[in-house]
């Protein structure tokens, strides 16, 4: 657990760089914590392992961890798929509702509604090996984005919320701020002697 490595990928003038966190989860010790989606059906990882007669039987569409708080992303079968799904490209069609974060993030002033947009960088990806050793060793490996970064907010964790019966993507920023205000409105608050209120806001 906690093994870090560097990954370089993509093309163009600048190649994206992010950390890969490698973790392992043994279903012999932590039972019924992983739900796997395969061919439109859902099962526990234990069931996948028990019914697998050959290596190709371990192929899956995606899997996720139960009871994560805050909830995080599903795991894709490959790194490329995890990155694509996060951006909203080549989304799987397996009966699940897909959410994604795209290439950038938009900030809206809470006073005048002015908007600003900046790139959203993937800064950390998790590689999780889910395995069983009894009666024999079986394993599936999944990938997901677990940390992003933006110039205004620093780093944050992709998560999701249920809003009016629909799941929506959010980012829980490490700075703890979730309100935004533009520079002009921030200056007006200062001139009105309400500078203390700005502590709640990220200023853009």
Protein backbone atom coordinates (compact mmCIF):
# COMPACT_ATOMS: atom_id res chain seq x y z
CA UNK A 1 0.00 0.00 0.00
CA UNK A 2 1.14 3.52 -0.65
CA UNK A 3 3.58 2.61 -3.43
CA UNK A 4 4.09 5.59 -5.72
CA UNK A 5 5.38 5.79 -9.26
CA UNK A 6 5.41 8.36 -12.06
CA UNK A 7 3.53 7.93 -15.30
CA UNK A 8 4.07 9.94 -18.44
CA UNK A 9 1.57 9.76 -21.28
CA UNK A 10 -0.37 11.53 -23.96
CA UNK A 11 1.03 13.47 -26.88
CA UNK A 12 1.53 17.01 -28.04
CA UNK A 13 4.04 19.56 -26.84
CA UNK A 14 3.50 18.79 -23.17
CA UNK A 15 3.05 15.31 -21.77
CA UNK A 16 0.77 14.97 -18.73
CA UNK A 17 2.46 13.74 -15.59
CA UNK A 18 0.76 12.28 -12.56
CA UNK A 19 1.39 9.95 -9.66
CA UNK A 20 0.08 6.41 -9.57
CA UNK A 21 -0.87 5.07 -6.14
CA UNK A 22 -0.83 1.27 -6.06
CA UNK A 23 -3.10 -0.45 -3.54
CA UNK A 24 -4.26 -4.00 -2.89
CA UNK A 25 -7.44 -5.43 -1.42
CA UNK A 26 -7.77 -9.10 -0.46
CA UNK A 27 -11.32 -10.41 -0.58
CA UNK A 28 -10.36 -13.28 1.72
CA UNK A 29 -9.95 -10.67 4.48
CA UNK A 30 -12.38 -7.95 3.41
CA UNK A 31 -15.46 -9.68 2.10
CA UNK A 32 -18.30 -8.21 0.05
CA UNK A 33 -16.68 -4.80 -0.45
CA UNK A 34 -16.26 -4.86 -4.23
CA UNK A 35 -19.08 -4.87 -6.77
CA UNK A 36 -18.18 -5.85 -10.32
CA UNK A 37 -20.07 -5.04 -13.51
CA UNK A 38 -19.74 -7.64 -16.27
CA UNK A 39 -21.85 -8.08 -19.41
CA UNK A 40 -24.66 -5.96 -17.99
CA UNK A 41 -24.81 -7.89 -14.72
CA UNK A 42 -23.49 -7.00 -11.28
CA UNK A 43 -21.89 -9.31 -8.74
CA UNK A 44 -19.47 -9.31 -5.82
CA UNK A 45 -15.81 -9.86 -6.60
CA UNK A 46 -16.01 -13.15 -4.68
CA UNK A 47 -18.66 -14.41 -7.08
CA UNK A 48 -16.53 -13.43 -10.07
CA UNK A 49 -13.58 -15.38 -8.68
CA UNK A 50 -15.67 -18.42 -7.76
CA UNK A 51 -17.18 -18.77 -11.24
CA UNK A 52 -13.99 -18.07 -13.23
CA UNK A 53 -12.68 -21.23 -14.93
CA UNK A 54 -10.07 -19.54 -17.14
CA UNK A 55 -8.25 -16.16 -17.23
CA UNK A 56 -10.65 -14.53 -19.70
CA UNK A 57 -13.51 -15.20 -17.24
CA UNK A 58 -11.98 -12.49 -15.04
CA UNK A 59 -12.56 -9.78 -17.62
CA UNK A 60 -14.96 -7.09 -16.41
CA UNK A 61 -16.53 -3.80 -17.46
CA UNK A 62 -15.86 -1.85 -14.27
CA UNK A 63 -15.97 -2.25 -10.51
CA UNK A 64 -16.47 -0.04 -7.47
CA UNK A 65 -15.96 -0.11 -3.72
CA UNK A 66 -18.98 -0.15 -1.45
CA UNK A 67 -19.39 2.26 1.47
CA UNK A 68 -16.72 4.77 0.43
CA UNK A 69 -17.19 8.10 2.20
CA UNK A 70 -17.07 10.39 0.35
CA UNK A 71 -18.03 8.28 -2.68
CA UNK A 72 -15.32 8.07 -5.33
CA UNK A 73 -15.07 6.95 -8.93
CA UNK A 74 -15.60 3.49 -10.39
CA UNK A 75 -12.51 1.54 -11.48
CA UNK A 76 -11.89 1.02 -15.19
CA UNK A 77 -10.12 -2.07 -16.61
CA UNK A 78 -7.21 0.02 -17.95
CA UNK A 79 -5.42 3.30 -17.32
CA UNK A 80 -6.41 4.66 -20.74
CA UNK A 81 -10.06 3.93 -20.06
CA UNK A 82 -9.91 5.56 -16.62
CA UNK A 83 -8.48 8.75 -18.13
CA UNK A 84 -10.96 8.73 -21.01
CA UNK A 85 -13.98 8.15 -18.75
CA UNK A 86 -12.88 10.98 -16.47
CA UNK A 87 -12.76 13.36 -19.43
CA UNK A 88 -16.07 12.10 -20.83
CA UNK A 89 -14.71 10.15 -23.78
CA UNK A 90 -15.60 6.56 -24.81
CA UNK A 91 -17.97 6.17 -21.88
CA UNK A 92 -19.12 2.59 -21.21
CA UNK A 93 -22.64 1.51 -22.11
CA UNK A 94 -23.32 -1.06 -19.43
CA UNK A 95 -26.51 0.13 -17.80
CA UNK A 96 -24.86 2.55 -15.38
CA UNK A 97 -25.36 6.30 -15.52
CA UNK A 98 -22.01 7.88 -16.42
CA UNK A 99 -20.63 11.06 -14.89
CA UNK A 100 -17.47 12.87 -15.95
CA UNK A 101 -15.41 15.99 -15.24
CA UNK A 102 -14.15 17.06 -18.66
CA UNK A 103 -11.06 19.06 -19.51
CA UNK A 104 -11.65 22.13 -17.35
CA UNK A 105 -13.60 23.61 -14.47
CA UNK A 106 -15.86 26.67 -14.36
CA UNK A 107 -16.02 29.01 -11.37
CA UNK A 108 -19.06 31.28 -10.93
CA UNK A 109 -19.06 34.40 -8.79
CA UNK A 110 -21.60 34.07 -6.00
CA UNK A 111 -22.44 37.77 -6.24
CA UNK A 112 -22.57 38.86 -9.90
CA UNK A 113 -22.62 35.37 -11.53
CA UNK A 114 -19.55 36.15 -13.67
CA UNK A 115 -17.77 32.97 -14.77
CA UNK A 116 -14.17 31.97 -15.33
CA UNK A 117 -12.81 28.68 -16.63
CA UNK A 118 -9.41 27.05 -16.24
CA UNK A 119 -7.85 23.67 -17.08
CA UNK A 120 -8.38 20.72 -14.76
CA UNK A 121 -5.26 18.59 -14.39
CA UNK A 122 -5.19 14.95 -13.32
CA UNK A 123 -2.55 14.76 -10.59
CA UNK A 124 -3.04 11.30 -9.08
CA UNK A 125 -4.41 7.95 -10.28
CA UNK A 126 -5.07 4.80 -8.24
CA UNK A 127 -4.24 1.30 -9.42
CA UNK A 128 -6.11 -1.21 -7.24
CA UNK A 129 -5.48 -4.94 -7.28
CA UNK A 130 -8.44 -6.91 -5.91
CA UNK A 131 -7.45 -10.51 -5.29
CA UNK A 132 -8.21 -13.77 -3.51
CA UNK A 133 -5.71 -16.46 -2.49
CA UNK A 134 -8.19 -19.16 -1.43
CA UNK A 135 -8.36 -21.72 -2.96
CA UNK A 136 -6.00 -20.29 -5.61
CA UNK A 137 -4.74 -16.83 -6.46
CA UNK A 138 -7.11 -14.79 -8.64
CA UNK A 139 -6.89 -11.09 -9.34
CA UNK A 140 -8.49 -8.19 -11.15
CA UNK A 141 -6.88 -4.76 -11.52
CA UNK A 142 -8.74 -1.47 -11.86
CA UNK A 143 -7.78 2.16 -12.41
CA UNK A 144 -9.38 5.46 -11.44
CA UNK A 145 -8.55 9.16 -11.02
CA UNK A 146 -8.29 10.06 -7.32
CA UNK A 147 -6.84 13.58 -7.35
CA UNK A 148 -7.04 16.61 -9.62
CA UNK A 149 -5.57 20.11 -9.55
CA UNK A 150 -6.51 23.60 -10.71
CA UNK A 151 -4.47 26.79 -10.37
CA UNK A 152 -7.13 28.61 -8.37
CA UNK A 153 -8.07 25.82 -5.95
CA UNK A 154 -4.98 23.63 -5.66
CA UNK A 155 -5.68 19.90 -5.34
CA UNK A 156 -8.97 18.12 -4.78
CA UNK A 157 -10.72 14.75 -4.85
CA UNK A 158 -13.30 13.88 -7.53
CA UNK A 159 -16.53 12.74 -5.91
CA UNK A 160 -20.25 12.80 -6.59
CA UNK A 161 -23.52 13.88 -5.01
CA UNK A 162 -27.16 12.98 -5.52
CA UNK A 163 -29.01 16.15 -6.60
CA UNK A 164 -32.73 15.89 -7.35
CA UNK A 165 -32.49 12.14 -8.01
CA UNK A 166 -29.55 12.58 -10.39
CA UNK A 167 -25.90 11.86 -9.65
CA UNK A 168 -23.62 14.81 -10.38
CA UNK A 169 -19.83 15.08 -10.42
CA UNK A 170 -18.19 17.37 -7.86
CA UNK A 171 -14.68 18.06 -6.57
CA UNK A 172 -13.94 18.25 -2.86
CA UNK A 173 -11.09 20.76 -2.72
CA UNK A 174 -8.36 20.27 -0.15
CA UNK A 175 -8.47 24.01 0.64
CA UNK A 176 -11.99 23.49 2.00
CA UNK A 177 -13.59 26.24 -0.08
CA UNK A 178 -16.67 25.73 -2.22
CA UNK A 179 -17.71 29.36 -2.84
CA UNK A 180 -16.26 31.66 -5.50
CA UNK A 181 -16.15 35.40 -6.00
CA UNK A 182 -14.63 37.54 -8.76
CA UNK A 183 -11.97 40.16 -8.03
CA UNK A 184 -14.32 43.07 -8.71
CA UNK A 185 -16.96 41.87 -6.26
CA UNK A 186 -14.28 41.03 -3.71
CA UNK A 187 -12.97 44.59 -3.96
CA UNK A 188 -16.47 45.99 -3.43
CA UNK A 189 -16.84 43.91 -0.26
CA UNK A 190 -13.55 45.30 1.02
CA UNK A 191 -14.71 48.84 0.33
CA UNK A 192 -17.89 48.14 2.28
CA UNK A 193 -15.87 46.90 5.28
CA UNK A 194 -16.93 43.26 4.76
CA UNK A 195 -13.48 41.83 4.05
CA UNK A 196 -13.93 39.12 6.71
CA UNK A 197 -16.58 37.49 4.52
CA UNK A 198 -13.97 36.83 1.83
CA UNK A 199 -12.41 34.06 3.94
CA UNK A 200 -15.22 31.78 2.77
CA UNK A 201 -14.48 32.42 -0.91
CA UNK A 202 -11.90 31.56 -3.52
CA UNK A 203 -11.22 34.77 -5.46
CA UNK A 204 -10.76 34.63 -9.24
